[in-house]
Amino acid sequence: EKVRANAKVTPEEFNRINDTITKHEREVADGMKKHREAVV
């Protein structure tokens, strides 16, 4: 919501938000890898 609202955040909060989103996206990509690579 903060990201979508383009809310002003401190540099520390920006880094925390960035780390959280990056970690989540990595986990999703890792979780999907075997399904994307499966041959049908």
PDB file of all heavy atoms in Angstrom:
ATOM      1  N   GLU A   1       0.839  -1.204   0.000  1.00  0.00           N
ATOM      2  CA  GLU A   1       0.000   0.000   0.000  1.00  0.00           C
ATOM      3  C   GLU A   1       0.872   1.251   0.000  1.00  0.00           C
ATOM      4  O   GLU A   1       0.593   2.212  -0.706  1.00  0.00           O
ATOM      5  CB  GLU A   1      -0.946   0.011   1.207  1.00  0.00           C
ATOM      6  CG  GLU A   1      -2.172  -0.830   1.014  1.00  0.00           C
ATOM      7  CD  GLU A   1      -3.015  -0.409  -0.181  1.00  0.00           C
ATOM      8  OE1 GLU A   1      -3.244   0.799  -0.381  1.00  0.00           O
ATOM      9  OE2 GLU A   1      -3.413  -1.313  -0.948  1.00  0.00           O
ATOM     10  N   LYS A   2       1.934   1.231   0.802  1.00  0.00           N
ATOM     11  CA  LYS A   2       2.860   2.373   0.827  1.00  0.00           C
ATOM     12  C   LYS A   2       3.505   2.567  -0.541  1.00  0.00           C
ATOM     13  O   LYS A   2       3.651   3.687  -1.021  1.00  0.00           O
ATOM     14  CB  LYS A   2       3.961   2.153   1.874  1.00  0.00           C
ATOM     15  CG  LYS A   2       3.518   2.415   3.282  1.00  0.00           C
ATOM     16  CD  LYS A   2       4.695   2.286   4.244  1.00  0.00           C
ATOM     17  CE  LYS A   2       4.254   2.570   5.664  1.00  0.00           C
ATOM     18  NZ  LYS A   2       5.355   2.478   6.610  1.00  0.00           N
ATOM     19  N   VAL A   3       3.885   1.475  -1.148  1.00  0.00           N
ATOM     20  CA  VAL A   3       4.518   1.550  -2.465  1.00  0.00           C
ATOM     21  C   VAL A   3       3.530   2.109  -3.488  1.00  0.00           C
ATOM     22  O   VAL A   3       3.865   3.008  -4.262  1.00  0.00           O
ATOM     23  CB  VAL A   3       5.043   0.158  -2.901  1.00  0.00           C
ATOM     24  CG1 VAL A   3       5.488   0.166  -4.355  1.00  0.00           C
ATOM     25  CG2 VAL A   3       6.174  -0.293  -1.988  1.00  0.00           C
ATOM     26  N   ARG A   4       2.313   1.557  -3.510  1.00  0.00           N
ATOM     27  CA  ARG A   4       1.299   2.021  -4.465  1.00  0.00           C
ATOM     28  C   ARG A   4       0.934   3.487  -4.241  1.00  0.00           C
ATOM     29  O   ARG A   4       0.661   4.216  -5.198  1.00  0.00           O
ATOM     30  CB  ARG A   4       0.045   1.156  -4.373  1.00  0.00           C
ATOM     31  CG  ARG A   4       0.168  -0.166  -5.104  1.00  0.00           C
ATOM     32  CD  ARG A   4      -1.165  -0.872  -5.222  1.00  0.00           C
ATOM     33  NE  ARG A   4      -1.546  -1.626  -4.034  1.00  0.00           N
ATOM     34  CZ  ARG A   4      -1.072  -2.820  -3.695  1.00  0.00           C
ATOM     35  NH1 ARG A   4      -0.175  -3.406  -4.445  1.00  0.00           N
ATOM     36  NH2 ARG A   4      -1.496  -3.430  -2.612  1.00  0.00           N
ATOM     37  N   ALA A   5       0.923   3.920  -2.998  1.00  0.00           N
ATOM     38  CA  ALA A   5       0.577   5.308  -2.674  1.00  0.00           C
ATOM     39  C   ALA A   5       1.760   6.247  -2.887  1.00  0.00           C
ATOM     40  O   ALA A   5       1.625   7.462  -2.743  1.00  0.00           O
ATOM     41  CB  ALA A   5       0.095   5.401  -1.228  1.00  0.00           C
ATOM     42  N   ASN A   6       2.912   5.661  -3.204  1.00  0.00           N
ATOM     43  CA  ASN A   6       4.129   6.452  -3.387  1.00  0.00           C
ATOM     44  C   ASN A   6       4.404   7.299  -2.141  1.00  0.00           C
ATOM     45  O   ASN A   6       4.762   8.473  -2.231  1.00  0.00           O
ATOM     46  CB  ASN A   6       4.018   7.319  -4.642  1.00  0.00           C
ATOM     47  CG  ASN A   6       5.365   7.695  -5.196  1.00  0.00           C
ATOM     48  OD1 ASN A   6       6.380   7.089  -4.862  1.00  0.00           O
ATOM     49  ND2 ASN A   6       5.385   8.703  -6.051  1.00  0.00           N
ATOM     50  N   ALA A   7       4.199   6.669  -0.990  1.00  0.00           N
ATOM     51  CA  ALA A   7       4.364   7.349   0.296  1.00  0.00           C
ATOM     52  C   ALA A   7       5.822   7.700   0.547  1.00  0.00           C
ATOM     53  O   ALA A   7       6.731   6.984   0.141  1.00  0.00           O
ATOM     54  CB  ALA A   7       3.849   6.454   1.426  1.00  0.00           C
ATOM     55  N   LYS A   8       6.012   8.814   1.225  1.00  0.00           N
ATOM     56  CA  LYS A   8       7.373   9.209   1.607  1.00  0.00           C
ATOM     57  C   LYS A   8       7.826   8.328   2.756  1.00  0.00           C
ATOM     58  O   LYS A   8       7.100   8.115   3.719  1.00  0.00           O
ATOM     59  CB  LYS A   8       7.414  10.673   2.023  1.00  0.00           C
ATOM     60  CG  LYS A   8       7.169  11.602   0.869  1.00  0.00           C
ATOM     61  CD  LYS A   8       7.483  13.023   1.245  1.00  0.00           C
ATOM     62  CE  LYS A   8       7.230  13.900   0.040  1.00  0.00           C
ATOM     63  NZ  LYS A   8       8.262  14.857  -0.175  1.00  0.00           N
ATOM     64  N   VAL A   9       9.026   7.794   2.612  1.00  0.00           N
ATOM     65  CA  VAL A   9       9.598   6.919   3.641  1.00  0.00           C
ATOM     66  C   VAL A   9      11.040   7.327   3.892  1.00  0.00           C
ATOM     67  O   VAL A   9      11.680   7.954   3.053  1.00  0.00           O
ATOM     68  CB  VAL A   9       9.534   5.427   3.220  1.00  0.00           C
ATOM     69  CG1 VAL A   9       8.106   4.941   3.123  1.00  0.00           C
ATOM     70  CG2 VAL A   9      10.274   5.191   1.925  1.00  0.00           C
ATOM     71  N   THR A  10      11.529   6.952   5.047  1.00  0.00           N
ATOM     72  CA  THR A  10      12.935   7.227   5.372  1.00  0.00           C
ATOM     73  C   THR A  10      13.812   6.293   4.556  1.00  0.00           C
ATOM     74  O   THR A  10      13.348   5.247   4.078  1.00  0.00           O
ATOM     75  CB  THR A  10      13.198   6.998   6.870  1.00  0.00           C
ATOM     76  OG1 THR A  10      13.026   5.604   7.143  1.00  0.00           O
ATOM     77  CG2 THR A  10      12.267   7.831   7.740  1.00  0.00           C
ATOM     78  N   PRO A  11      15.088   6.615   4.412  1.00  0.00           N
ATOM     79  CA  PRO A  11      15.990   5.712   3.690  1.00  0.00           C
ATOM     80  C   PRO A  11      16.036   4.315   4.319  1.00  0.00           C
ATOM     81  O   PRO A  11      16.092   3.316   3.598  1.00  0.00           O
ATOM     82  CB  PRO A  11      17.351   6.410   3.782  1.00  0.00           C
ATOM     83  CG  PRO A  11      17.020   7.858   3.915  1.00  0.00           C
ATOM     84  CD  PRO A  11      15.750   7.889   4.727  1.00  0.00           C
ATOM     85  N   GLU A  12      15.983   4.257   5.639  1.00  0.00           N
ATOM     86  CA  GLU A  12      16.013   2.948   6.309  1.00  0.00           C
ATOM     87  C   GLU A  12      14.753   2.150   5.981  1.00  0.00           C
ATOM     88  O   GLU A  12      14.804   0.955   5.727  1.00  0.00           O
ATOM     89  CB  GLU A  12      16.140   3.118   7.838  1.00  0.00           C
ATOM     90  CG  GLU A  12      17.436   3.733   8.307  1.00  0.00           C
ATOM     91  CD  GLU A  12      17.480   5.266   8.170  1.00  0.00           C
ATOM     92  OE1 GLU A  12      16.402   5.912   8.072  1.00  0.00           O
ATOM     93  OE2 GLU A  12      18.598   5.803   8.122  1.00  0.00           O
ATOM     94  N   GLU A  13      13.610   2.841   6.025  1.00  0.00           N
ATOM     95  CA  GLU A  13      12.349   2.163   5.707  1.00  0.00           C
ATOM     96  C   GLU A  13      12.325   1.738   4.237  1.00  0.00           C
ATOM     97  O   GLU A  13      11.844   0.658   3.892  1.00  0.00           O
ATOM     98  CB  GLU A  13      11.160   3.069   6.023  1.00  0.00           C
ATOM     99  CG  GLU A  13       9.832   2.337   5.958  1.00  0.00           C
ATOM    100  CD  GLU A  13       8.657   3.181   6.412  1.00  0.00           C
ATOM    101  OE1 GLU A  13       8.785   4.420   6.547  1.00  0.00           O
ATOM    102  OE2 GLU A  13       7.596   2.570   6.631  1.00  0.00           O
ATOM    103  N   PHE A  14      12.870   2.585   3.364  1.00  0.00           N
ATOM    104  CA  PHE A  14      12.958   2.236   1.947  1.00  0.00           C
ATOM    105  C   PHE A  14      13.762   0.954   1.774  1.00  0.00           C
ATOM    106  O   PHE A  14      13.359   0.054   1.032  1.00  0.00           O
ATOM    107  CB  PHE A  14      13.597   3.373   1.143  1.00  0.00           C
ATOM    108  CG  PHE A  14      13.838   3.010  -0.290  1.00  0.00           C
ATOM    109  CD1 PHE A  14      12.812   3.103  -1.217  1.00  0.00           C
ATOM    110  CD2 PHE A  14      15.084   2.542  -0.700  1.00  0.00           C
ATOM    111  CE1 PHE A  14      13.021   2.748  -2.543  1.00  0.00           C
ATOM    112  CE2 PHE A  14      15.302   2.186  -2.028  1.00  0.00           C
ATOM    113  CZ  PHE A  14      14.274   2.289  -2.952  1.00  0.00           C
ATOM    114  N   ASN A  15      14.902   0.863   2.447  1.00  0.00           N
ATOM    115  CA  ASN A  15      15.742  -0.334   2.345  1.00  0.00           C
ATOM    116  C   ASN A  15      15.011  -1.572   2.870  1.00  0.00           C
ATOM    117  O   ASN A  15      15.100  -2.649   2.289  1.00  0.00           O
ATOM    118  CB  ASN A  15      17.068  -0.142   3.084  1.00  0.00           C
ATOM    119  CG  ASN A  15      17.983   0.810   2.360  1.00  0.00           C
ATOM    120  OD1 ASN A  15      17.879   1.002   1.153  1.00  0.00           O
ATOM    121  ND2 ASN A  15      18.892   1.445   3.096  1.00  0.00           N
ATOM    122  N   ARG A  16      14.282  -1.414   3.979  1.00  0.00           N
ATOM    123  CA  ARG A  16      13.531  -2.531   4.541  1.00  0.00           C
ATOM    124  C   ARG A  16      12.427  -2.985   3.572  1.00  0.00           C
ATOM    125  O   ARG A  16      12.246  -4.174   3.335  1.00  0.00           O
ATOM    126  CB  ARG A  16      12.922  -2.143   5.891  1.00  0.00           C
ATOM    127  CG  ARG A  16      12.237  -3.293   6.623  1.00  0.00           C
ATOM    128  CD  ARG A  16      11.639  -2.887   7.958  1.00  0.00           C
ATOM    129  NE  ARG A  16      10.685  -1.793   7.891  1.00  0.00           N
ATOM    130  CZ  ARG A  16       9.412  -1.935   7.490  1.00  0.00           C
ATOM    131  NH1 ARG A  16       8.953  -3.095   7.135  1.00  0.00           N
ATOM    132  NH2 ARG A  16       8.613  -0.891   7.467  1.00  0.00           N
ATOM    133  N   ILE A  17      11.720  -2.020   2.994  1.00  0.00           N
ATOM    134  CA  ILE A  17      10.668  -2.339   2.022  1.00  0.00           C
ATOM    135  C   ILE A  17      11.268  -3.044   0.816  1.00  0.00           C
ATOM    136  O   ILE A  17      10.760  -4.073   0.359  1.00  0.00           O
ATOM    137  CB  ILE A  17       9.909  -1.054   1.601  1.00  0.00           C
ATOM    138  CG1 ILE A  17       9.056  -0.553   2.760  1.00  0.00           C
ATOM    139  CG2 ILE A  17       9.077  -1.290   0.349  1.00  0.00           C
ATOM    140  CD1 ILE A  17       8.443   0.827   2.523  1.00  0.00           C
ATOM    141  N   ASN A  18      12.348  -2.493   0.318  1.00  0.00           N
ATOM    142  CA  ASN A  18      13.012  -3.082  -0.855  1.00  0.00           C
ATOM    143  C   ASN A  18      13.476  -4.508  -0.560  1.00  0.00           C
ATOM    144  O   ASN A  18      13.281  -5.411  -1.376  1.00  0.00           O
ATOM    145  CB  ASN A  18      14.183  -2.197  -1.278  1.00  0.00           C
ATOM    146  CG  ASN A  18      14.760  -2.625  -2.598  1.00  0.00           C
ATOM    147  OD1 ASN A  18      14.023  -2.903  -3.538  1.00  0.00           O
ATOM    148  ND2 ASN A  18      16.083  -2.677  -2.676  1.00  0.00           N
ATOM    149  N   ASP A  19      14.087  -4.716   0.597  1.00  0.00           N
ATOM    150  CA  ASP A  19      14.556  -6.054   0.978  1.00  0.00           C
ATOM    151  C   ASP A  19      13.395  -7.037   1.105  1.00  0.00           C
ATOM    152  O   ASP A  19      13.490  -8.183   0.661  1.00  0.00           O
ATOM    153  CB  ASP A  19      15.340  -6.002   2.294  1.00  0.00           C
ATOM    154  CG  ASP A  19      16.679  -5.302   2.160  1.00  0.00           C
ATOM    155  OD1 ASP A  19      17.136  -5.089   1.015  1.00  0.00           O
ATOM    156  OD2 ASP A  19      17.266  -4.948   3.208  1.00  0.00           O
ATOM    157  N   THR A  20      12.292  -6.592   1.699  1.00  0.00           N
ATOM    158  CA  THR A  20      11.130  -7.456   1.887  1.00  0.00           C
ATOM    159  C   THR A  20      10.538  -7.870   0.540  1.00  0.00           C
ATOM    160  O   THR A  20      10.255  -9.054   0.310  1.00  0.00           O
ATOM    161  CB  THR A  20      10.056  -6.747   2.744  1.00  0.00           C
ATOM    162  OG1 THR A  20      10.622  -6.424   4.012  1.00  0.00           O
ATOM    163  CG2 THR A  20       8.833  -7.624   2.941  1.00  0.00           C
ATOM    164  N   ILE A  21      10.370  -6.914  -0.349  1.00  0.00           N
ATOM    165  CA  ILE A  21       9.799  -7.211  -1.664  1.00  0.00           C
ATOM    166  C   ILE A  21      10.736  -8.111  -2.462  1.00  0.00           C
ATOM    167  O   ILE A  21      10.300  -9.102  -3.064  1.00  0.00           O
ATOM    168  CB  ILE A  21       9.480  -5.905  -2.429  1.00  0.00           C
ATOM    169  CG1 ILE A  21       8.343  -5.163  -1.731  1.00  0.00           C
ATOM    170  CG2 ILE A  21       9.125  -6.200  -3.881  1.00  0.00           C
ATOM    171  CD1 ILE A  21       8.084  -3.767  -2.272  1.00  0.00           C
ATOM    172  N   THR A  22      12.023  -7.804  -2.447  1.00  0.00           N
ATOM    173  CA  THR A  22      12.997  -8.608  -3.181  1.00  0.00           C
ATOM    174  C   THR A  22      13.018 -10.043  -2.670  1.00  0.00           C
ATOM    175  O   THR A  22      13.021 -10.996  -3.458  1.00  0.00           O
ATOM    176  CB  THR A  22      14.403  -7.979  -3.077  1.00  0.00           C
ATOM    177  OG1 THR A  22      14.354  -6.659  -3.619  1.00  0.00           O
ATOM    178  CG2 THR A  22      15.440  -8.802  -3.811  1.00  0.00           C
ATOM    179  N   LYS A  23      13.015 -10.213  -1.354  1.00  0.00           N
ATOM    180  CA  LYS A  23      13.016 -11.549  -0.763  1.00  0.00           C
ATOM    181  C   LYS A  23      11.761 -12.315  -1.162  1.00  0.00           C
ATOM    182  O   LYS A  23      11.830 -13.489  -1.540  1.00  0.00           O
ATOM    183  CB  LYS A  23      13.132 -11.465   0.757  1.00  0.00           C
ATOM    184  CG  LYS A  23      13.169 -12.816   1.435  1.00  0.00           C
ATOM    185  CD  LYS A  23      13.254 -12.689   2.943  1.00  0.00           C
ATOM    186  CE  LYS A  23      13.230 -14.083   3.563  1.00  0.00           C
ATOM    187  NZ  LYS A  23      12.863 -14.059   4.950  1.00  0.00           N
ATOM    188  N   HIS A  24      10.618 -11.652  -1.096  1.00  0.00           N
ATOM    189  CA  HIS A  24       9.353 -12.301  -1.456  1.00  0.00           C
ATOM    190  C   HIS A  24       9.350 -12.716  -2.927  1.00  0.00           C
ATOM    191  O   HIS A  24       8.968 -13.850  -3.259  1.00  0.00           O
ATOM    192  CB  HIS A  24       8.181 -11.369  -1.154  1.00  0.00           C
ATOM    193  CG  HIS A  24       6.843 -11.953  -1.466  1.00  0.00           C
ATOM    194  ND1 HIS A  24       6.373 -13.102  -0.884  1.00  0.00           N
ATOM    195  CD2 HIS A  24       5.865 -11.543  -2.312  1.00  0.00           C
ATOM    196  CE1 HIS A  24       5.167 -13.377  -1.346  1.00  0.00           C
ATOM    197  NE2 HIS A  24       4.839 -12.437  -2.217  1.00  0.00           N
ATOM    198  N   GLU A  25       9.793 -11.848  -3.799  1.00  0.00           N
ATOM    199  CA  GLU A  25       9.834 -12.165  -5.232  1.00  0.00           C
ATOM    200  C   GLU A  25      10.785 -13.335  -5.505  1.00  0.00           C
ATOM    201  O   GLU A  25      10.497 -14.189  -6.335  1.00  0.00           O
ATOM    202  CB  GLU A  25      10.235 -10.938  -6.048  1.00  0.00           C
ATOM    203  CG  GLU A  25       9.185  -9.856  -6.075  1.00  0.00           C
ATOM    204  CD  GLU A  25       7.843 -10.320  -6.639  1.00  0.00           C
ATOM    205  OE1 GLU A  25       7.830 -11.054  -7.654  1.00  0.00           O
ATOM    206  OE2 GLU A  25       6.800  -9.961  -6.065  1.00  0.00           O
ATOM    207  N   ARG A  26      11.908 -13.377  -4.807  1.00  0.00           N
ATOM    208  CA  ARG A  26      12.864 -14.476  -4.958  1.00  0.00           C
ATOM    209  C   ARG A  26      12.237 -15.793  -4.507  1.00  0.00           C
ATOM    210  O   ARG A  26      12.399 -16.825  -5.156  1.00  0.00           O
ATOM    211  CB  ARG A  26      14.139 -14.180  -4.167  1.00  0.00           C
ATOM    212  CG  ARG A  26      15.278 -15.141  -4.477  1.00  0.00           C
ATOM    213  CD  ARG A  26      16.591 -14.801  -3.765  1.00  0.00           C
ATOM    214  NE  ARG A  26      16.876 -13.384  -3.639  1.00  0.00           N
ATOM    215  CZ  ARG A  26      16.896 -12.724  -2.467  1.00  0.00           C
ATOM    216  NH1 ARG A  26      16.660 -13.346  -1.344  1.00  0.00           N
ATOM    217  NH2 ARG A  26      17.181 -11.438  -2.430  1.00  0.00           N
ATOM    218  N   GLU A  27      11.521 -15.748  -3.377  1.00  0.00           N
ATOM    219  CA  GLU A  27      10.863 -16.954  -2.873  1.00  0.00           C
ATOM    220  C   GLU A  27       9.790 -17.453  -3.845  1.00  0.00           C
ATOM    221  O   GLU A  27       9.658 -18.654  -4.067  1.00  0.00           O
ATOM    222  CB  GLU A  27      10.244 -16.688  -1.496  1.00  0.00           C
ATOM    223  CG  GLU A  27      11.277 -16.535  -0.400  1.00  0.00           C
ATOM    224  CD  GLU A  27      10.697 -16.047   0.924  1.00  0.00           C
ATOM    225  OE1 GLU A  27       9.529 -15.563   0.940  1.00  0.00           O
ATOM    226  OE2 GLU A  27      11.405 -16.147   1.938  1.00  0.00           O
ATOM    227  N   VAL A  28       9.047 -16.527  -4.428  1.00  0.00           N
ATOM    228  CA  VAL A  28       8.030 -16.914  -5.419  1.00  0.00           C
ATOM    229  C   VAL A  28       8.713 -17.537  -6.631  1.00  0.00           C
ATOM    230  O   VAL A  28       8.294 -18.592  -7.117  1.00  0.00           O
ATOM    231  CB  VAL A  28       7.162 -15.704  -5.829  1.00  0.00           C
ATOM    232  CG1 VAL A  28       6.276 -16.051  -7.031  1.00  0.00           C
ATOM    233  CG2 VAL A  28       6.307 -15.234  -4.663  1.00  0.00           C
ATOM    234  N   ALA A  29       9.765 -16.908  -7.130  1.00  0.00           N
ATOM    235  CA  ALA A  29      10.483 -17.440  -8.289  1.00  0.00           C
ATOM    236  C   ALA A  29      11.054 -18.826  -7.990  1.00  0.00           C
ATOM    237  O   ALA A  29      10.948 -19.745  -8.818  1.00  0.00           O
ATOM    238  CB  ALA A  29      11.598 -16.486  -8.708  1.00  0.00           C
ATOM    239  N   ASP A  30      11.643 -18.995  -6.810  1.00  0.00           N
ATOM    240  CA  ASP A  30      12.184 -20.301  -6.425  1.00  0.00           C
ATOM    241  C   ASP A  30      11.080 -21.347  -6.325  1.00  0.00           C
ATOM    242  O   ASP A  30      11.249 -22.483  -6.754  1.00  0.00           O
ATOM    243  CB  ASP A  30      12.937 -20.213  -5.090  1.00  0.00           C
ATOM    244  CG  ASP A  30      14.233 -19.432  -5.180  1.00  0.00           C
ATOM    245  OD1 ASP A  30      14.700 -19.154  -6.318  1.00  0.00           O
ATOM    246  OD2 ASP A  30      14.785 -19.071  -4.121  1.00  0.00           O
ATOM    247  N   GLY A  31       9.945 -20.952  -5.747  1.00  0.00           N
ATOM    248  CA  GLY A  31       8.830 -21.873  -5.599  1.00  0.00           C
ATOM    249  C   GLY A  31       8.194 -22.258  -6.926  1.00  0.00           C
ATOM    250  O   GLY A  31       7.622 -23.338  -7.059  1.00  0.00           O
ATOM    251  N   MET A  32       8.286 -21.399  -7.916  1.00  0.00           N
ATOM    252  CA  MET A  32       7.676 -21.660  -9.220  1.00  0.00           C
ATOM    253  C   MET A  32       8.612 -22.338 -10.210  1.00  0.00           C
ATOM    254  O   MET A  32       8.156 -22.877 -11.213  1.00  0.00           O
ATOM    255  CB  MET A  32       7.187 -20.342  -9.833  1.00  0.00           C
ATOM    256  CG  MET A  32       5.972 -19.752  -9.160  1.00  0.00           C
ATOM    257  SD  MET A  32       4.514 -20.825  -9.243  1.00  0.00           S
ATOM    258  CE  MET A  32       4.222 -20.877 -11.005  1.00  0.00           C
ATOM    259  N   LYS A  33       9.903 -22.332  -9.919  1.00  0.00           N
ATOM    260  CA  LYS A  33      10.881 -22.799 -10.900  1.00  0.00           C
ATOM    261  C   LYS A  33      10.574 -24.192 -11.435  1.00  0.00           C
ATOM    262  O   LYS A  33      10.526 -24.400 -12.645  1.00  0.00           O
ATOM    263  CB  LYS A  33      12.290 -22.762 -10.316  1.00  0.00           C
ATOM    264  CG  LYS A  33      13.341 -23.136 -11.320  1.00  0.00           C
ATOM    265  CD  LYS A  33      14.729 -22.956 -10.811  1.00  0.00           C
ATOM    266  CE  LYS A  33      15.663 -23.371 -11.929  1.00  0.00           C
ATOM    267  NZ  LYS A  33      16.979 -22.904 -11.767  1.00  0.00           N
ATOM    268  N   LYS A  34      10.364 -25.164 -10.553  1.00  0.00           N
ATOM    269  CA  LYS A  34      10.153 -26.532 -11.044  1.00  0.00           C
ATOM    270  C   LYS A  34       8.852 -26.640 -11.838  1.00  0.00           C
ATOM    271  O   LYS A  34       8.767 -27.421 -12.782  1.00  0.00           O
ATOM    272  CB  LYS A  34      10.193 -27.546  -9.908  1.00  0.00           C
ATOM    273  CG  LYS A  34       8.980 -27.607  -9.032  1.00  0.00           C
ATOM    274  CD  LYS A  34       9.080 -28.733  -8.019  1.00  0.00           C
ATOM    275  CE  LYS A  34       7.778 -28.858  -7.258  1.00  0.00           C
ATOM    276  NZ  LYS A  34       7.765 -29.957  -6.344  1.00  0.00           N
ATOM    277  N   HIS A  35       7.863 -25.833 -11.506  1.00  0.00           N
ATOM    278  CA  HIS A  35       6.607 -25.866 -12.244  1.00  0.00           C
ATOM    279  C   HIS A  35       6.750 -25.212 -13.619  1.00  0.00           C
ATOM    280  O   HIS A  35       6.180 -25.692 -14.588  1.00  0.00           O
ATOM    281  CB  HIS A  35       5.497 -25.187 -11.442  1.00  0.00           C
ATOM    282  CG  HIS A  35       5.257 -25.855 -10.131  1.00  0.00           C
ATOM    283  ND1 HIS A  35       4.660 -27.086 -10.025  1.00  0.00           N
ATOM    284  CD2 HIS A  35       5.565 -25.485  -8.878  1.00  0.00           C
ATOM    285  CE1 HIS A  35       4.599 -27.440  -8.758  1.00  0.00           C
ATOM    286  NE2 HIS A  35       5.149 -26.487  -8.036  1.00  0.00           N
ATOM    287  N   ARG A  36       7.511 -24.134 -13.700  1.00  0.00           N
ATOM    288  CA  ARG A  36       7.741 -23.476 -14.991  1.00  0.00           C
ATOM    289  C   ARG A  36       8.564 -24.366 -15.933  1.00  0.00           C
ATOM    290  O   ARG A  36       8.343 -24.366 -17.130  1.00  0.00           O
ATOM    291  CB  ARG A  36       8.485 -22.161 -14.798  1.00  0.00           C
ATOM    292  CG  ARG A  36       7.693 -21.082 -14.158  1.00  0.00           C
ATOM    293  CD  ARG A  36       8.566 -19.814 -14.046  1.00  0.00           C
ATOM    294  NE  ARG A  36       8.054 -18.859 -13.126  1.00  0.00           N
ATOM    295  CZ  ARG A  36       7.101 -17.974 -13.403  1.00  0.00           C
ATOM    296  NH1 ARG A  36       6.568 -17.954 -14.583  1.00  0.00           N
ATOM    297  NH2 ARG A  36       6.678 -17.133 -12.488  1.00  0.00           N
ATOM    298  N   GLU A  37       9.512 -25.088 -15.351  1.00  0.00           N
ATOM    299  CA  GLU A  37      10.415 -25.919 -16.147  1.00  0.00           C
ATOM    300  C   GLU A  37       9.816 -27.279 -16.515  1.00  0.00           C
ATOM    301  O   GLU A  37      10.345 -27.970 -17.380  1.00  0.00           O
ATOM    302  CB  GLU A  37      11.731 -26.129 -15.393  1.00  0.00           C
ATOM    303  CG  GLU A  37      12.493 -24.839 -15.097  1.00  0.00           C
ATOM    304  CD  GLU A  37      12.957 -24.125 -16.356  1.00  0.00           C
ATOM    305  OE1 GLU A  37      13.481 -24.791 -17.266  1.00  0.00           O
ATOM    306  OE2 GLU A  37      12.772 -22.888 -16.428  1.00  0.00           O
ATOM    307  N   ALA A  38       8.727 -27.668 -15.856  1.00  0.00           N
ATOM    308  CA  ALA A  38       8.107 -28.967 -16.136  1.00  0.00           C
ATOM    309  C   ALA A  38       7.679 -29.022 -17.598  1.00  0.00           C
ATOM    310  O   ALA A  38       7.161 -28.057 -18.156  1.00  0.00           O
ATOM    311  CB  ALA A  38       6.912 -29.195 -15.222  1.00  0.00           C
ATOM    312  N   VAL A  39       7.909 -30.177 -18.217  1.00  0.00           N
ATOM    313  CA  VAL A  39       7.564 -30.360 -19.621  1.00  0.00           C
ATOM    314  C   VAL A  39       6.170 -30.978 -19.722  1.00  0.00           C
ATOM    315  O   VAL A  39       5.847 -31.923 -19.006  1.00  0.00           O
ATOM    316  CB  VAL A  39       8.613 -31.251 -20.328  1.00  0.00           C
ATOM    317  CG1 VAL A  39       8.208 -31.554 -21.755  1.00  0.00           C
ATOM    318  CG2 VAL A  39       9.984 -30.570 -20.293  1.00  0.00           C
ATOM    319  N   VAL A  40       5.360 -30.406 -20.597  1.00  0.00           N
ATOM    320  CA  VAL A  40       4.010 -30.900 -20.835  1.00  0.00           C
ATOM    321  C   VAL A  40       3.833 -31.170 -22.329  1.00  0.00           C
ATOM    322  O   VAL A  40       4.558 -30.624 -23.151  1.00  0.00           O
ATOM    323  CB  VAL A  40       2.926 -29.897 -20.363  1.00  0.00           C
ATOM    324  CG1 VAL A  40       2.930 -29.746 -18.863  1.00  0.00           C
ATOM    325  CG2 VAL A  40       3.095 -28.551 -21.030  1.00  0.00           C
TER     326      VAL A  40
END
